[in-house]
C-alpha atoms as a PDB file:
ATOM      1  CA  MET A   1      14.460  -5.031  26.637  1.00  0.00           C
ATOM      2  CA  SER A   2      12.382  -6.956  24.088  1.00  0.00           C
ATOM      3  CA  SER A   3      13.751  -9.667  21.837  1.00  0.00           C
ATOM      4  CA  THR A   4      13.388  -7.290  18.884  1.00  0.00           C
ATOM      5  CA  ASP A   5      15.541  -4.669  20.622  1.00  0.00           C
ATOM      6  CA  VAL A   6      18.203  -7.278  21.400  1.00  0.00           C
ATOM      7  CA  TRP A   7      18.191  -8.483  17.787  1.00  0.00           C
ATOM      8  CA  LEU A   8      18.424  -4.918  16.411  1.00  0.00           C
ATOM      9  CA  LYS A   9      21.301  -4.115  18.799  1.00  0.00           C
ATOM     10  CA  TYR A  10      23.145  -7.266  17.685  1.00  0.00           C
ATOM     11  CA  TYR A  11      22.409  -6.627  14.000  1.00  0.00           C
ATOM     12  CA  LYS A  12      23.539  -2.990  14.222  1.00  0.00           C
ATOM     13  CA  SER A  13      26.776  -3.879  15.978  1.00  0.00           C
ATOM     14  CA  SER A  14      27.646  -6.754  13.619  1.00  0.00           C
ATOM     15  CA  ARG A  15      26.847  -4.914  10.373  1.00  0.00           C
ATOM     16  CA  GLY A  16      27.772  -1.395  11.341  1.00  0.00           C
ATOM     17  CA  TYR A  17      24.415  -0.052  10.230  1.00  0.00           C
ATOM     18  CA  LEU A  18      20.751  -0.564  10.933  1.00  0.00           C
ATOM     19  CA  ALA A  19      18.618  -2.063   8.158  1.00  0.00           C
ATOM     20  CA  HIS A  20      14.874  -2.458   8.358  1.00  0.00           C
ATOM     21  CA  HIS A  21      12.706  -4.646   6.160  1.00  0.00           C
ATOM     22  CA  GLY A  22       8.914  -4.393   6.401  1.00  0.00           C
ATOM     23  CA  ILE A  23       6.606  -2.085   8.248  1.00  0.00           C
ATOM     24  CA  LYS A  24       7.385  -1.006  11.810  1.00  0.00           C
ATOM     25  CA  GLY A  25       5.100  -2.739  14.275  1.00  0.00           C
ATOM     26  CA  GLN A  26       3.678  -5.176  11.725  1.00  0.00           C
ATOM     27  CA  LYS A  27       3.807  -8.840  12.688  1.00  0.00           C
ATOM     28  CA  TRP A  28       5.361 -11.457  10.414  1.00  0.00           C
ATOM     29  CA  GLY A  29       2.891 -12.974   7.953  1.00  0.00           C
ATOM     30  CA  VAL A  30       0.330 -10.188   8.374  1.00  0.00           C
ATOM     31  CA  ARG A  31      -0.682  -8.280   5.261  1.00  0.00           C
ATOM     32  CA  ASN A  32      -1.400  -4.599   5.471  1.00  0.00           C
ATOM     33  CA  GLY A  33      -4.675  -4.147   3.600  1.00  0.00           C
ATOM     34  CA  PRO A  34      -8.044  -5.767   3.071  1.00  0.00           C
ATOM     35  CA  PRO A  35      -8.591  -9.422   3.936  1.00  0.00           C
ATOM     36  CA  TYR A  36      -7.281 -11.680   1.193  1.00  0.00           C
ATOM     37  CA  PRO A  37      -8.890 -13.061  -0.883  1.00  0.00           C
ATOM     38  CA  LEU A  38     -11.563 -10.378  -1.103  1.00  0.00           C
ATOM     39  CA  LYS A  39     -14.950 -11.680  -0.046  1.00  0.00           C
ATOM     40  CA  LYS A  40     -17.693 -11.858  -2.655  1.00  0.00           C
ATOM     41  CA  GLN A  41     -20.127  -9.712  -0.656  1.00  0.00           C
ATOM     42  CA  GLN A  42     -17.772  -6.708  -0.588  1.00  0.00           C
ATOM     43  CA  LYS A  43     -18.762  -3.755  -2.763  1.00  0.00           C
ATOM     44  CA  SER A  44     -16.728  -2.831  -5.788  1.00  0.00           C
ATOM     45  CA  GLY A  45     -14.454   0.171  -5.603  1.00  0.00           C
ATOM     46  CA  ILE A  46     -13.144   2.891  -7.831  1.00  0.00           C
ATOM     47  CA  LEU A  47     -10.135   1.873  -9.867  1.00  0.00           C
ATOM     48  CA  LYS A  48      -7.139   3.899  -8.782  1.00  0.00           C
ATOM     49  CA  TYR A  49      -5.547   3.985 -12.217  1.00  0.00           C
ATOM     50  CA  ASP A  50      -6.675   4.640 -15.773  1.00  0.00           C
ATOM     51  CA  LEU A  51      -7.086   1.513 -17.854  1.00  0.00           C
ATOM     52  CA  GLN A  52      -5.970   3.096 -21.121  1.00  0.00           C
ATOM     53  CA  PHE A  53      -5.860  -0.303 -22.803  1.00  0.00           C
ATOM     54  CA  PHE A  54      -7.891  -3.429 -22.079  1.00  0.00           C
ATOM     55  CA  GLY A  55      -8.440  -6.554 -24.173  1.00  0.00           C
ATOM     56  CA  ASN A  56      -8.362  -5.435 -27.806  1.00  0.00           C
ATOM     57  CA  LYS A  57      -5.959  -2.590 -26.952  1.00  0.00           C
ATOM     58  CA  LYS A  58      -7.803   0.317 -28.561  1.00  0.00           C
ATOM     59  CA  ARG A  59      -7.292   3.888 -27.427  1.00  0.00           C
ATOM     60  CA  TRP A  60     -10.319   5.514 -25.814  1.00  0.00           C
ATOM     61  CA  SER A  61     -10.720   7.918 -28.741  1.00  0.00           C
ATOM     62  CA  GLU A  62     -11.095   4.976 -31.160  1.00  0.00           C
ATOM     63  CA  TYR A  63     -14.323   3.720 -29.566  1.00  0.00           C
ATOM     64  CA  ASP A  64     -17.785   4.636 -30.812  1.00  0.00           C
ATOM     65  CA  VAL A  65     -19.947   5.905 -27.957  1.00  0.00           C
ATOM     66  CA  GLU A  66     -23.666   5.518 -28.520  1.00  0.00           C
ATOM     67  CA  TYR A  67     -26.237   8.000 -27.254  1.00  0.00           C
ATOM     68  CA  PRO A  68     -29.279   5.844 -26.341  1.00  0.00           C
ATOM     69  CA  GLY A  69     -32.583   6.839 -27.889  1.00  0.00           C
ATOM     70  CA  THR A  70     -30.906   8.270 -30.993  1.00  0.00           C
ATOM     71  CA  ASP A  71     -28.917   6.877 -33.892  1.00  0.00           C
ATOM     72  CA  LYS A  72     -26.008   9.193 -33.097  1.00  0.00           C
ATOM     73  CA  LYS A  73     -22.573   7.857 -32.301  1.00  0.00           C
ATOM     74  CA  TYR A  74     -19.847  10.030 -30.831  1.00  0.00           C
ATOM     75  CA  HIS A  75     -16.162   9.605 -30.040  1.00  0.00           C
ATOM     76  CA  ILE A  76     -14.222  10.359 -26.905  1.00  0.00           C
ATOM     77  CA  ALA A  77     -12.155  13.503 -27.537  1.00  0.00           C
ATOM     78  CA  ASP A  78      -8.570  12.948 -28.695  1.00  0.00           C
ATOM     79  CA  GLY A  79      -6.210  12.702 -25.729  1.00  0.00           C
ATOM     80  CA  ALA A  80      -9.071  12.474 -23.213  1.00  0.00           C
ATOM     81  CA  ARG A  81      -9.004   9.788 -20.562  1.00  0.00           C
ATOM     82  CA  VAL A  82     -11.827   8.119 -18.715  1.00  0.00           C
ATOM     83  CA  LEU A  83     -11.535   9.156 -15.075  1.00  0.00           C
ATOM     84  CA  GLY A  84     -13.198   7.742 -11.966  1.00  0.00           C
ATOM     85  CA  GLN A  85     -13.570   4.322 -13.551  1.00  0.00           C
ATOM     86  CA  GLU A  86     -15.661   1.971 -11.463  1.00  0.00           C
ATOM     87  CA  ILE A  87     -16.667  -1.642 -11.960  1.00  0.00           C
ATOM     88  CA  PHE A  88     -20.126  -1.737 -10.431  1.00  0.00           C
ATOM     89  CA  ALA A  89     -21.548  -5.080 -11.605  1.00  0.00           C
ATOM     90  CA  GLY A  90     -20.286  -8.457 -12.730  1.00  0.00           C
ATOM     91  CA  LYS A  91     -17.079 -10.324 -11.949  1.00  0.00           C
ATOM     92  CA  GLY A  92     -15.406  -9.207  -8.722  1.00  0.00           C
ATOM     93  CA  THR A  93     -18.405  -7.294  -7.338  1.00  0.00           C
ATOM     94  CA  SER A  94     -21.397  -8.113  -5.172  1.00  0.00           C
ATOM     95  CA  ASP A  95     -23.876  -7.090  -7.896  1.00  0.00           C
ATOM     96  CA  GLU A  96     -24.483  -9.403 -10.827  1.00  0.00           C
ATOM     97  CA  ILE A  97     -25.166  -8.538 -14.450  1.00  0.00           C
ATOM     98  CA  ARG A  98     -28.503  -9.972 -15.607  1.00  0.00           C
ATOM     99  CA  GLU A  99     -28.161 -13.546 -16.891  1.00  0.00           C
ATOM    100  CA  VAL A 100     -29.730 -12.685 -20.252  1.00  0.00           C
ATOM    101  CA  THR A 101     -27.249  -9.839 -20.741  1.00  0.00           C
ATOM    102  CA  LYS A 102     -24.221 -11.982 -19.802  1.00  0.00           C
ATOM    103  CA  LEU A 103     -25.253 -14.678 -22.279  1.00  0.00           C
ATOM    104  CA  ARG A 104     -25.909 -12.099 -25.023  1.00  0.00           C
ATOM    105  CA  LEU A 105     -22.479 -10.507 -24.504  1.00  0.00           C
ATOM    106  CA  ALA A 106     -20.671 -13.865 -24.475  1.00  0.00           C
ATOM    107  CA  ASP A 107     -22.515 -14.953 -27.623  1.00  0.00           C
ATOM    108  CA  ALA A 108     -21.836 -11.693 -29.496  1.00  0.00           C
ATOM    109  CA  TYR A 109     -18.251 -10.935 -28.395  1.00  0.00           C
ATOM    110  CA  GLY A 110     -16.911 -14.172 -26.855  1.00  0.00           C
ATOM    111  CA  GLY A 111     -15.510 -14.906 -23.437  1.00  0.00           C
ATOM    112  CA  ASP A 112     -17.030 -16.610 -20.419  1.00  0.00           C
ATOM    113  CA  PRO A 113     -20.425 -15.167 -19.369  1.00  0.00           C
ATOM    114  CA  GLU A 114     -19.269 -15.074 -15.731  1.00  0.00           C
ATOM    115  CA  ASP A 115     -16.225 -12.892 -16.570  1.00  0.00           C
ATOM    116  CA  TRP A 116     -18.153  -9.900 -17.931  1.00  0.00           C
ATOM    117  CA  GLN A 117     -18.146  -6.634 -15.963  1.00  0.00           C
ATOM    118  CA  LYS A 118     -20.246  -3.479 -16.216  1.00  0.00           C
ATOM    119  CA  CYS A 119     -18.237  -0.283 -15.745  1.00  0.00           C
ATOM    120  CA  LYS A 120     -18.677   3.463 -15.686  1.00  0.00           C
ATOM    121  CA  GLY A 121     -16.463   6.518 -15.844  1.00  0.00           C
ATOM    122  CA  HIS A 122     -16.337  10.222 -16.692  1.00  0.00           C
ATOM    123  CA  THR A 123     -14.793  11.601 -19.879  1.00  0.00           C
ATOM    124  CA  VAL A 124     -14.953  14.306 -22.534  1.00  0.00           C
ATOM    125  CA  ILE A 125     -16.987  13.538 -25.686  1.00  0.00           C
ATOM    126  CA  ASP A 126     -16.392  15.195 -29.060  1.00  0.00           C
ATOM    127  CA  CYS A 127     -19.988  16.281 -29.771  1.00  0.00           C
ATOM    128  CA  ASP A 128     -20.142  17.769 -33.293  1.00  0.00           C
ATOM    129  CA  GLY A 129     -16.856  19.641 -32.815  1.00  0.00           C
ATOM    130  CA  GLU A 130     -17.642  20.739 -29.252  1.00  0.00           C
ATOM    131  CA  GLU A 131     -16.096  19.017 -26.218  1.00  0.00           C
ATOM    132  CA  VAL A 132     -18.732  18.055 -23.638  1.00  0.00           C
ATOM    133  CA  LYS A 133     -18.283  16.167 -20.344  1.00  0.00           C
ATOM    134  CA  ALA A 134     -20.299  12.969 -19.966  1.00  0.00           C
ATOM    135  CA  GLU A 135     -20.669   9.862 -17.834  1.00  0.00           C
ATOM    136  CA  ILE A 136     -20.305   6.725 -19.916  1.00  0.00           C
ATOM    137  CA  HIS A 137     -21.079   3.068 -19.211  1.00  0.00           C
ATOM    138  CA  TRP A 138     -19.642   0.000 -20.944  1.00  0.00           C
ATOM    139  CA  TYR A 139     -19.182  -3.757 -20.629  1.00  0.00           C
ATOM    140  CA  GLN A 140     -15.761  -5.377 -20.583  1.00  0.00           C
ATOM    141  CA  GLU A 141     -14.209  -8.817 -20.556  1.00  0.00           C
ATOM    142  CA  GLU A 142     -10.505  -9.627 -20.726  1.00  0.00           C
ATOM    143  CA  SER A 143     -10.461 -11.339 -24.132  1.00  0.00           C
ATOM    144  CA  ALA A 144     -13.198  -9.208 -25.758  1.00  0.00           C
ATOM    145  CA  GLY A 145     -12.163  -5.800 -24.455  1.00  0.00           C
ATOM    146  CA  LYS A 146     -14.568  -2.896 -23.961  1.00  0.00           C
ATOM    147  CA  VAL A 147     -17.876  -3.094 -25.838  1.00  0.00           C
ATOM    148  CA  GLU A 148     -21.187  -1.249 -26.065  1.00  0.00           C
ATOM    149  CA  LEU A 149     -20.051   2.127 -24.773  1.00  0.00           C
ATOM    150  CA  LYS A 150     -23.034   4.380 -24.010  1.00  0.00           C
ATOM    151  CA  ILE A 151     -23.470   7.938 -22.795  1.00  0.00           C
ATOM    152  CA  LYS A 152     -25.455   7.658 -19.579  1.00  0.00           C
ATOM    153  CA  ARG A 153     -25.759  11.382 -18.844  1.00  0.00           C
ATOM    154  CA  TRP A 154     -24.299  14.704 -19.913  1.00  0.00           C
ATOM    155  CA  GLU A 155     -22.416  16.642 -17.228  1.00  0.00           C
ATOM    156  CA  GLU A 156     -21.748  20.348 -16.852  1.00  0.00           C
END
């Protein structure tokens, strides 16, 4: 009989019930998950939740989304969310944003140049009254919020 079994038997008999705290088989002081803190060389991952608000607390439908190569600006459809959000460059990832871009963003919108992130996601764009799926890219920083939203490609 292991020391754990003896302790559980004693605990059950003294309390009248069996209580368990933690994960069965997990050792004390061991975290269940990736190594903490995350190492810099690890790739970024897909965010598992929708960041409806960030920084300046606008709703997604309030942002102008630029279509590069044209002067047209669109909006994300009312009630649409940005799904599959991924931070793929900048703070917290192994890929860096170009130095010139980081400095330009910090100068134009504020914040620390090292805190900027480049993100992407999939959403529905209101394109002249018609709802069209698109992949969008943007930059974000905690104090500045999301800026320079662009349509990267139209999806079917």
